[in-house]
Protein backbone atom coordinates (compact mmCIF):
# COMPACT_ATOMS: atom_id res chain seq x y z
CA MET A 1 50.33 -25.65 -227.24
CA ARG A 2 54.08 -25.30 -227.13
CA SER A 3 57.34 -27.16 -226.93
CA ILE A 4 60.65 -25.88 -225.61
CA TYR A 5 63.91 -27.21 -227.03
CA TYR A 6 67.09 -26.97 -224.98
CA ILE A 7 70.18 -27.19 -227.22
CA THR A 8 73.35 -27.78 -225.23
CA ASN A 9 76.54 -25.87 -225.93
CA PRO A 10 79.27 -28.40 -224.95
CA GLY A 11 82.15 -25.92 -224.94
CA GLY A 12 80.22 -23.31 -223.01
CA GLN A 13 81.66 -20.51 -225.15
CA LEU A 14 79.33 -17.55 -225.58
CA PRO A 15 80.42 -16.67 -229.17
CA VAL A 16 79.62 -20.22 -230.30
CA ALA A 17 76.10 -19.97 -228.86
CA GLN A 18 75.60 -16.57 -230.46
CA GLU A 19 76.60 -17.98 -233.86
CA GLN A 20 74.07 -20.77 -233.41
CA VAL A 21 71.37 -18.23 -232.56
CA LYS A 22 72.19 -16.33 -235.76
CA ALA A 23 72.00 -19.60 -237.71
CA ILE A 24 68.55 -20.31 -236.28
CA GLY A 25 67.32 -16.90 -237.38
CA ASP A 26 68.76 -17.39 -240.87
CA ALA A 27 67.13 -20.82 -241.10
CA ILE A 28 63.71 -19.46 -240.13
CA GLU A 29 63.89 -16.70 -242.72
CA SER A 30 64.97 -19.10 -245.47
CA LEU A 31 62.38 -21.75 -244.61
CA TRP A 32 59.36 -19.51 -244.14
CA MET A 33 59.14 -16.38 -246.24
CA ILE A 34 56.05 -15.24 -244.30
CA ALA A 35 57.92 -15.21 -240.99
CA ILE A 36 57.98 -11.76 -239.40
CA ARG A 37 60.79 -10.93 -237.02
CA SER A 38 59.68 -9.03 -233.94
CA GLN A 39 61.27 -5.63 -233.47
CA SER A 40 61.30 -6.08 -229.70
CA SER A 41 63.39 -8.59 -227.80
CA TRP A 42 62.39 -10.82 -224.90
CA SER A 43 64.30 -11.81 -221.79
CA LEU A 44 64.46 -14.59 -219.21
CA ASN A 45 66.06 -14.94 -215.79
CA HIS A 46 66.18 -18.29 -214.02
CA ARG A 47 67.66 -18.97 -210.59
CA LEU A 48 67.72 -22.54 -209.37
CA PHE A 49 68.02 -23.76 -205.77
CA ARG A 50 68.31 -27.39 -204.69
CA GLN A 51 67.08 -28.90 -201.46
CA VAL A 52 69.83 -29.53 -198.92
CA PRO A 53 70.13 -33.30 -198.17
CA PRO A 54 68.11 -34.12 -195.05
CA ASP A 55 71.19 -35.43 -193.28
CA GLY A 56 73.25 -32.45 -194.40
CA ARG A 57 75.94 -34.64 -195.98
CA ALA A 58 78.19 -32.69 -198.33
CA ASP A 59 79.20 -35.86 -200.20
CA ASP A 60 75.64 -36.92 -200.94
CA THR A 61 75.63 -38.95 -204.17
CA ARG A 62 71.90 -39.31 -204.79
CA PRO A 63 70.71 -38.54 -208.34
CA PRO A 64 69.27 -35.10 -209.16
CA GLN A 65 65.74 -36.57 -209.27
CA ALA A 66 65.92 -37.31 -205.54
CA TYR A 67 65.75 -33.64 -204.54
CA SER A 68 63.21 -30.87 -204.43
CA TYR A 69 64.04 -27.74 -206.40
CA GLN A 70 62.98 -24.12 -206.09
CA HIS A 71 62.89 -22.06 -209.27
CA LEU A 72 62.85 -18.27 -209.42
CA LEU A 73 61.78 -17.51 -212.98
CA HIS A 74 61.02 -14.34 -214.88
CA VAL A 75 59.96 -14.54 -218.54
CA SER A 76 59.32 -11.07 -219.92
CA HIS A 77 56.50 -11.93 -222.34
CA VAL A 78 54.67 -14.18 -219.85
CA THR A 79 54.71 -12.15 -216.62
CA PRO A 80 56.39 -8.82 -217.42
CA ASP A 81 56.35 -7.45 -213.87
CA ARG A 82 56.41 -10.65 -211.79
CA THR A 83 58.87 -13.41 -210.87
CA ALA A 84 57.41 -16.88 -210.44
CA ILE A 85 58.46 -19.18 -207.62
CA VAL A 86 57.96 -22.80 -208.66
CA ILE A 87 58.58 -25.75 -206.33
CA GLN A 88 59.37 -29.13 -207.88
CA SER A 89 58.96 -32.15 -205.63
CA PRO A 90 61.36 -35.11 -205.94
CA SER A 91 60.96 -37.09 -209.18
CA GLN A 92 58.05 -34.89 -210.28
CA PRO A 93 58.53 -32.76 -213.39
CA ALA A 94 57.16 -29.26 -213.16
CA THR A 95 54.91 -30.17 -216.09
CA SER A 96 53.15 -32.99 -214.24
CA GLY A 97 50.23 -32.42 -211.94
CA LYS A 98 49.79 -28.94 -210.53
CA PRO A 99 53.15 -27.69 -209.23
CA THR A 100 53.27 -25.09 -206.51
CA VAL A 101 53.47 -21.73 -208.28
CA VAL A 102 53.39 -18.34 -206.58
CA SER A 103 54.74 -15.02 -207.73
CA ILE A 104 56.41 -11.95 -206.30
CA PRO A 105 56.99 -8.48 -207.76
CA LEU A 106 59.92 -8.45 -210.15
CA GLY A 107 61.72 -5.88 -208.04
CA HIS A 108 61.74 -8.27 -205.05
CA THR A 109 63.62 -11.05 -206.87
CA ASP A 110 67.09 -10.16 -205.61
CA ALA A 111 65.85 -9.80 -202.03
CA HIS A 112 64.13 -13.19 -202.13
CA SER A 113 67.22 -14.83 -203.62
CA ALA A 114 69.42 -13.23 -200.95
CA MET A 115 67.09 -14.53 -198.24
CA LEU A 116 67.44 -18.09 -199.54
CA VAL A 117 71.23 -17.78 -199.70
CA ASN A 118 71.82 -15.99 -196.39
CA GLN A 119 68.95 -17.01 -194.12
CA MET A 120 67.84 -20.41 -195.45
CA ALA A 121 71.18 -21.98 -196.29
CA LEU A 122 70.28 -25.04 -194.23
CA LEU A 123 67.33 -25.71 -196.53
CA TRP A 124 68.33 -24.52 -199.99
CA VAL A 125 71.63 -24.40 -201.84
CA PRO A 126 72.04 -22.30 -205.02
CA GLN A 127 72.71 -24.27 -208.20
CA ARG A 128 73.01 -21.79 -211.04
CA ILE A 129 71.69 -18.61 -212.60
CA VAL A 130 71.02 -18.38 -216.34
CA GLU A 131 69.44 -15.65 -218.40
CA VAL A 132 68.45 -14.70 -221.92
CA VAL A 133 69.24 -11.04 -222.42
CA LYS A 134 68.02 -10.17 -225.93
CA GLY A 135 66.00 -13.09 -227.22
CA LYS A 136 64.65 -13.10 -230.76
CA ALA A 137 61.11 -13.87 -231.88
CA TYR A 138 59.34 -14.63 -235.16
CA THR A 139 55.59 -14.73 -235.80
CA PHE A 140 53.68 -16.45 -238.59
CA PRO A 141 50.48 -14.52 -239.38
CA LYS A 142 48.53 -17.25 -241.21
CA SER A 143 49.06 -19.97 -238.63
CA ASP A 144 49.58 -17.99 -235.40
CA MET A 145 52.76 -19.97 -234.83
CA GLU A 146 55.47 -18.20 -232.87
CA ILE A 147 59.13 -19.09 -232.41
CA ARG A 148 61.27 -17.53 -229.67
CA PHE A 149 64.91 -18.34 -229.07
CA GLY A 150 68.10 -17.03 -227.54
CA GLU A 151 71.40 -18.04 -225.99
CA LEU A 152 71.51 -18.71 -222.26
CA ARG A 153 74.13 -16.78 -220.32
CA ALA A 154 75.38 -18.25 -217.07
CA ARG A 155 76.80 -16.36 -214.14
CA ARG A 156 77.81 -17.70 -210.78
CA GLN A 157 76.92 -16.09 -207.48
CA GLY A 158 79.95 -14.37 -206.03
CA PRO A 159 82.12 -11.31 -206.62
CA GLN A 160 84.97 -13.13 -208.40
CA THR A 161 83.08 -14.11 -211.55
CA THR A 162 84.29 -12.06 -214.52
CA SER A 163 83.52 -14.24 -217.56
CA ILE A 164 80.16 -15.20 -219.02
CA THR A 165 79.57 -18.68 -220.37
CA SER A 166 76.66 -20.14 -222.31
CA PRO A 167 75.43 -23.63 -221.36
CA GLY A 168 73.04 -23.74 -224.28
CA ILE A 169 70.27 -22.24 -226.38
CA VAL A 170 66.53 -22.31 -225.73
CA LEU A 171 63.97 -22.37 -228.51
CA ASP A 172 60.23 -22.13 -227.86
CA ILE A 173 57.73 -23.07 -230.60
CA SER A 174 54.07 -22.34 -229.86
CA LEU A 175 50.95 -22.99 -231.93
CA PRO A 176 47.43 -22.46 -230.55
CA ALA A 177 45.37 -25.64 -230.48
CA GLY A 178 41.93 -25.38 -232.07
CA ILE A 179 43.07 -23.44 -235.13
CA VAL A 180 40.99 -24.52 -238.13
CA ASP A 181 42.04 -23.57 -241.67
CA ASP A 182 39.09 -22.76 -243.93
CA GLY A 183 41.10 -23.37 -247.11
CA ARG A 184 41.48 -19.67 -247.94
CA GLY A 185 44.40 -19.07 -245.63
CA ASP A 186 42.11 -17.72 -242.91
CA THR A 187 41.85 -19.38 -239.53
CA ASP A 188 39.24 -19.68 -236.83
CA LEU A 189 39.71 -20.69 -233.22
CA ASN A 190 37.12 -23.42 -232.80
CA MET A 191 36.49 -23.84 -229.08
CA ASP A 192 33.54 -26.22 -229.45
CA SER A 193 35.14 -28.95 -231.57
CA LYS A 194 37.45 -31.60 -230.17
CA LEU A 195 40.99 -30.33 -230.49
CA ASP A 196 43.34 -32.63 -232.35
CA PHE A 197 46.36 -32.36 -230.11
CA ASP A 198 48.31 -34.94 -232.09
CA VAL A 199 48.13 -32.77 -235.21
CA VAL A 200 49.28 -29.67 -233.31
CA GLN A 201 52.12 -31.56 -231.64
CA GLU A 202 53.24 -32.98 -234.98
CA SER A 203 53.11 -29.49 -236.54
CA ILE A 204 55.40 -28.19 -233.80
CA ARG A 205 57.77 -31.13 -234.14
CA GLY A 206 57.70 -30.76 -237.91
CA ALA A 207 58.79 -27.12 -237.60
CA TRP A 208 61.63 -28.18 -235.31
CA ARG A 209 62.74 -30.96 -237.69
CA ALA A 210 62.82 -28.50 -240.57
CA LEU A 211 64.97 -26.12 -238.53
CA LYS A 212 67.23 -28.88 -237.27
CA GLU A 213 68.06 -29.97 -240.81
CA ARG A 214 69.56 -26.54 -241.48
CA LEU A 215 71.64 -26.36 -238.30
CA VAL A 216 75.08 -27.77 -237.57
CA LEU A 217 74.64 -29.16 -234.08
CA GLY A 218 77.90 -31.12 -233.81
CA ARG A 219 78.22 -32.54 -230.30
CA SER A 220 75.22 -30.58 -229.03
CA GLU A 221 72.34 -32.53 -227.54
CA VAL A 222 68.71 -31.48 -227.81
CA ARG A 223 66.12 -31.94 -225.07
CA GLU A 224 62.44 -31.51 -225.90
CA VAL A 225 59.86 -30.51 -223.30
CA MET A 226 56.40 -30.70 -224.89
CA GLN A 227 53.33 -29.27 -223.19
CA LEU A 228 51.01 -31.98 -221.89
CA THR A 229 47.69 -32.19 -223.68
CA LYS A 230 45.83 -32.23 -220.36
CA ASP A 231 46.98 -28.64 -219.86
CA VAL A 232 45.32 -27.53 -223.10
CA ASP A 233 41.61 -26.83 -223.10
CA GLY A 234 41.24 -24.09 -225.68
CA LYS A 235 40.88 -20.75 -223.94
CA ASP A 236 43.13 -21.76 -221.00
CA GLU A 237 45.97 -23.28 -222.98
CA LEU A 238 48.27 -20.28 -222.59
CA ALA A 239 47.76 -19.95 -218.84
CA HIS A 240 50.79 -18.40 -217.23
CA GLU A 241 51.34 -21.22 -214.77
CA VAL A 242 51.51 -23.80 -217.57
CA GLN A 243 54.06 -21.77 -219.51
CA LEU A 244 56.20 -21.06 -216.46
CA SER A 245 56.15 -24.71 -215.35
CA LEU A 246 57.22 -25.78 -218.83
CA TRP A 247 60.14 -23.35 -218.78
CA CYS A 248 61.21 -24.61 -215.35
CA GLU A 249 61.26 -28.20 -216.58
CA ALA A 250 63.25 -27.23 -219.69
CA LEU A 251 65.83 -25.39 -217.58
CA SER A 252 65.99 -27.99 -214.83
CA VAL A 253 69.37 -29.63 -214.22
CA ARG A 254 67.68 -32.95 -213.58
CA SER A 255 65.87 -33.25 -216.92
């Protein structure tokens, strides 16, 4: 089970977001001495397209929830060599039901994006592109908890963009459901017993609360996107589609 926290960066300044990322790493290391920082980084690339209003009106004032969205998403540790295409229907979070998820080879991402921009402009309009370039990760051997985080970098489509801004920071806390502690610090993955999702969710939220107490968030807002318990059934809880859908919802402009 996992939860993704989107921390806004009101000023949009990249150095501010990078300082916050450093503060998160420092907080993890001071809170949990057993935390092990991964030597390898992770990356994310998210391209968002919004449905063109049916009547084609440029001054359409309907809320974001009234549209369909197409996500092009690559998360390096989930699908290293693939880009997911996720379609969100109006007013339906990507985490509800079974969203439409297909994938294409990573090397075809730019071509697919160009097709949407140049050949399907009457159907889809680009919204934004964000990416995590060198995300950080910590693992916790005794509990199998993992925390990944990094600053989002935004770039607009077009040749005149020279500066990079950061709309926020993403932080992903995951903890496998079904972990049973035997009292000696060892754990077993019990697939046969009923999983106590409430306990796992509270453990994740407890880790976030502990981190939050050590951060100076100022005017930043935090949005939580928790994995639905219906998506967790032991061996299938880390299915790629569930993870990718969760990331799409966390990065959605309509959340």
